[in-house]
Amino acid sequence: MLDLTIRRATAADADGIADLIAAIEPDKLVSEISREERRDRFREYLGAGINAAFLAESGGRLVGELTLALGGPDPTRLGFSVHPDFRRRGVATKLLQHGIAWADANDIHKLTAEVMTHNAGALALLQELGFAEEGYLVNQFRRKSGGANDAVLLARMRL
């Protein structure tokens, strides 16, 4: 298993997070906003406490991120990404376990995730960690290049 450190992200990490997400293949991204817009959103939302995020680092390199869009009192949405060179090495599992524990400790009653239907790995991992399918979202993620991707809505209630 990979040697990982998980830590809380701050607004100062926005550039690194934007670079990490930019490394993901464009056809697998949820949105096609620019790297700069993504950086600015992370900086603003983390700085304002609208989002909480956690970073996975290995050997001083950012290899994964998990963001919680704090919805209180509504459910909190989560999203996560792992650098392509570090997939299938436990990064997403560690990030999700950390994020779930943080959400439980902070009395977040429900976590949700919207996952593109073709992302079998993320769907299986979330279900393994206690998320259950709640619905199917048609044309949920619109693409600038045309068309849209369907998604599965998964949720996990606080135990």
Protein backbone atom coordinates (compact mmCIF):
# COMPACT_ATOMS: atom_id res chain seq x y z
CA MET A 1 0.00 0.00 0.00
CA LEU A 2 1.07 3.56 -0.70
CA ASP A 3 2.45 5.73 2.11
CA LEU A 4 -0.21 8.44 2.44
CA THR A 5 -0.78 11.46 4.61
CA ILE A 6 -4.30 12.91 4.77
CA ARG A 7 -4.67 16.52 5.86
CA ARG A 8 -7.26 19.28 5.84
CA ALA A 9 -7.00 21.62 2.86
CA THR A 10 -6.92 25.39 3.19
CA ALA A 11 -7.57 28.16 0.68
CA ALA A 12 -3.81 28.23 0.07
CA ASP A 13 -4.10 24.73 -1.47
CA ALA A 14 -6.43 25.91 -4.26
CA ASP A 15 -3.70 25.94 -6.94
CA GLY A 16 -2.59 22.41 -6.12
CA ILE A 17 -6.16 21.11 -6.14
CA ALA A 18 -6.85 22.78 -9.49
CA ASP A 19 -3.66 21.25 -10.93
CA LEU A 20 -4.62 17.81 -9.65
CA ILE A 21 -8.06 17.97 -11.23
CA ALA A 22 -6.60 19.33 -14.49
CA ALA A 23 -4.46 16.17 -14.68
CA ILE A 24 -7.60 14.06 -15.02
CA GLU A 25 -8.66 13.16 -18.53
CA PRO A 26 -11.14 15.80 -19.81
CA ASP A 27 -13.75 13.17 -20.76
CA LYS A 28 -13.89 12.03 -17.14
CA LEU A 29 -14.35 15.45 -15.54
CA VAL A 30 -17.75 16.42 -14.21
CA SER A 31 -17.44 19.98 -15.48
CA GLU A 32 -15.37 21.68 -18.10
CA ILE A 33 -14.57 24.91 -16.27
CA SER A 34 -11.11 26.35 -16.65
CA ARG A 35 -8.32 25.53 -14.25
CA GLU A 36 -8.32 29.16 -13.08
CA GLU A 37 -12.06 29.17 -12.39
CA ARG A 38 -11.74 25.92 -10.46
CA ARG A 39 -8.82 27.36 -8.44
CA ASP A 40 -10.77 30.53 -7.65
CA ARG A 41 -13.83 28.54 -6.54
CA PHE A 42 -11.76 26.32 -4.27
CA ARG A 43 -10.02 29.35 -2.76
CA GLU A 44 -13.33 31.15 -2.17
CA TYR A 45 -15.32 28.17 -0.86
CA LEU A 46 -12.57 26.85 1.42
CA GLY A 47 -11.79 30.33 2.71
CA ALA A 48 -15.46 31.01 3.47
CA GLY A 49 -16.05 27.61 5.10
CA ILE A 50 -18.66 26.66 2.49
CA ASN A 51 -16.60 23.57 1.66
CA ALA A 52 -14.31 21.35 3.67
CA ALA A 53 -11.62 19.47 1.78
CA PHE A 54 -9.00 16.87 2.54
CA LEU A 55 -5.82 16.15 0.60
CA ALA A 56 -3.89 12.92 0.17
CA GLU A 57 -0.15 13.38 -0.17
CA SER A 58 2.55 10.84 -0.89
CA GLY A 59 6.21 11.76 -0.83
CA GLY A 60 5.30 15.43 -0.64
CA ARG A 61 3.13 15.20 -3.76
CA LEU A 62 -0.61 15.89 -3.89
CA VAL A 63 -2.18 12.68 -5.21
CA GLY A 64 -5.86 12.98 -4.27
CA GLU A 65 -8.54 15.27 -2.90
CA LEU A 66 -11.97 14.95 -1.36
CA THR A 67 -14.31 17.91 -1.05
CA LEU A 68 -17.43 18.18 1.08
CA ALA A 69 -19.91 20.85 -0.02
CA LEU A 70 -21.39 21.57 3.38
CA GLY A 71 -25.15 21.72 3.00
CA GLY A 72 -26.36 22.03 6.60
CA PRO A 73 -29.12 21.46 7.28
CA ASP A 74 -29.40 19.88 3.82
CA PRO A 75 -27.30 16.83 2.94
CA THR A 76 -23.60 17.42 2.32
CA ARG A 77 -22.38 16.55 -1.17
CA LEU A 78 -18.99 14.99 -1.68
CA GLY A 79 -16.68 14.72 -4.62
CA PHE A 80 -13.23 13.22 -4.91
CA SER A 81 -10.47 12.73 -7.42
CA VAL A 82 -7.20 10.85 -7.59
CA HIS A 83 -4.28 11.64 -9.90
CA PRO A 84 -4.25 9.09 -12.76
CA ASP A 85 -0.76 7.85 -11.76
CA PHE A 86 -2.01 6.93 -8.26
CA ARG A 87 -5.29 5.14 -8.94
CA ARG A 88 -6.05 1.67 -7.60
CA ARG A 89 -3.58 2.16 -4.77
CA GLY A 90 -5.94 2.95 -1.88
CA VAL A 91 -5.94 6.76 -2.17
CA ALA A 92 -9.69 7.16 -2.70
CA THR A 93 -10.45 4.63 0.04
CA LYS A 94 -8.32 6.51 2.60
CA LEU A 95 -9.78 9.88 1.58
CA LEU A 96 -13.34 8.62 1.80
CA GLN A 97 -12.77 6.92 5.15
CA HIS A 98 -11.28 10.17 6.48
CA GLY A 99 -14.10 12.28 5.04
CA ILE A 100 -16.79 9.98 6.43
CA ALA A 101 -15.19 10.00 9.89
CA TRP A 102 -14.97 13.81 9.78
CA ALA A 103 -18.60 14.10 8.69
CA ASP A 104 -19.73 11.75 11.48
CA ALA A 105 -17.69 13.68 14.07
CA ASN A 106 -19.26 16.92 12.83
CA ASP A 107 -22.82 15.58 13.06
CA ILE A 108 -23.46 15.64 9.31
CA HIS A 109 -26.57 13.51 8.97
CA LYS A 110 -26.30 12.59 5.30
CA LEU A 111 -23.59 12.48 2.64
CA THR A 112 -24.46 12.30 -1.04
CA ALA A 113 -22.42 11.71 -4.17
CA GLU A 114 -23.37 12.02 -7.81
CA VAL A 115 -21.27 9.60 -9.85
CA MET A 116 -21.26 9.25 -13.61
CA THR A 117 -22.77 5.93 -14.61
CA HIS A 118 -19.61 4.75 -16.38
CA ASN A 119 -17.42 5.21 -13.26
CA ALA A 120 -17.73 1.63 -12.02
CA GLY A 121 -14.77 1.94 -9.65
CA ALA A 122 -16.18 4.93 -7.75
CA LEU A 123 -19.66 3.39 -7.61
CA ALA A 124 -18.30 0.13 -6.18
CA LEU A 125 -16.06 1.91 -3.64
CA LEU A 126 -18.84 4.15 -2.36
CA GLN A 127 -21.18 1.19 -1.98
CA GLU A 128 -18.45 -0.74 -0.14
CA LEU A 129 -18.22 2.20 2.29
CA GLY A 130 -21.93 2.24 3.09
CA PHE A 131 -23.41 4.43 0.36
CA ALA A 132 -26.63 3.19 -1.23
CA GLU A 133 -28.18 4.14 -4.54
CA GLU A 134 -31.03 6.60 -4.17
CA GLY A 135 -31.71 7.52 -7.75
CA TYR A 136 -30.69 7.89 -11.35
CA LEU A 137 -30.09 11.39 -12.69
CA VAL A 138 -30.62 11.76 -16.44
CA ASN A 139 -28.37 14.26 -18.25
CA GLN A 140 -27.01 15.46 -14.89
CA PHE A 141 -23.64 16.73 -16.09
CA ARG A 142 -23.85 18.93 -19.16
CA ARG A 143 -20.79 19.07 -21.39
CA LYS A 144 -19.53 22.16 -23.21
CA SER A 145 -18.47 19.81 -26.00
CA GLY A 146 -22.09 18.69 -26.35
CA GLY A 147 -24.38 16.22 -24.70
CA ALA A 148 -24.56 15.30 -21.05
CA ASN A 149 -23.67 12.44 -18.75
CA ASP A 150 -26.14 10.55 -16.60
CA ALA A 151 -25.29 9.97 -12.95
CA VAL A 152 -26.19 7.72 -10.07
CA LEU A 153 -27.15 9.45 -6.81
CA LEU A 154 -25.73 7.63 -3.80
CA ALA A 155 -26.16 8.51 -0.14
CA ARG A 156 -24.90 7.47 3.27
CA MET A 157 -26.78 8.25 6.45
CA ARG A 158 -24.86 8.92 9.65
CA LEU A 159 -24.78 5.82 11.79
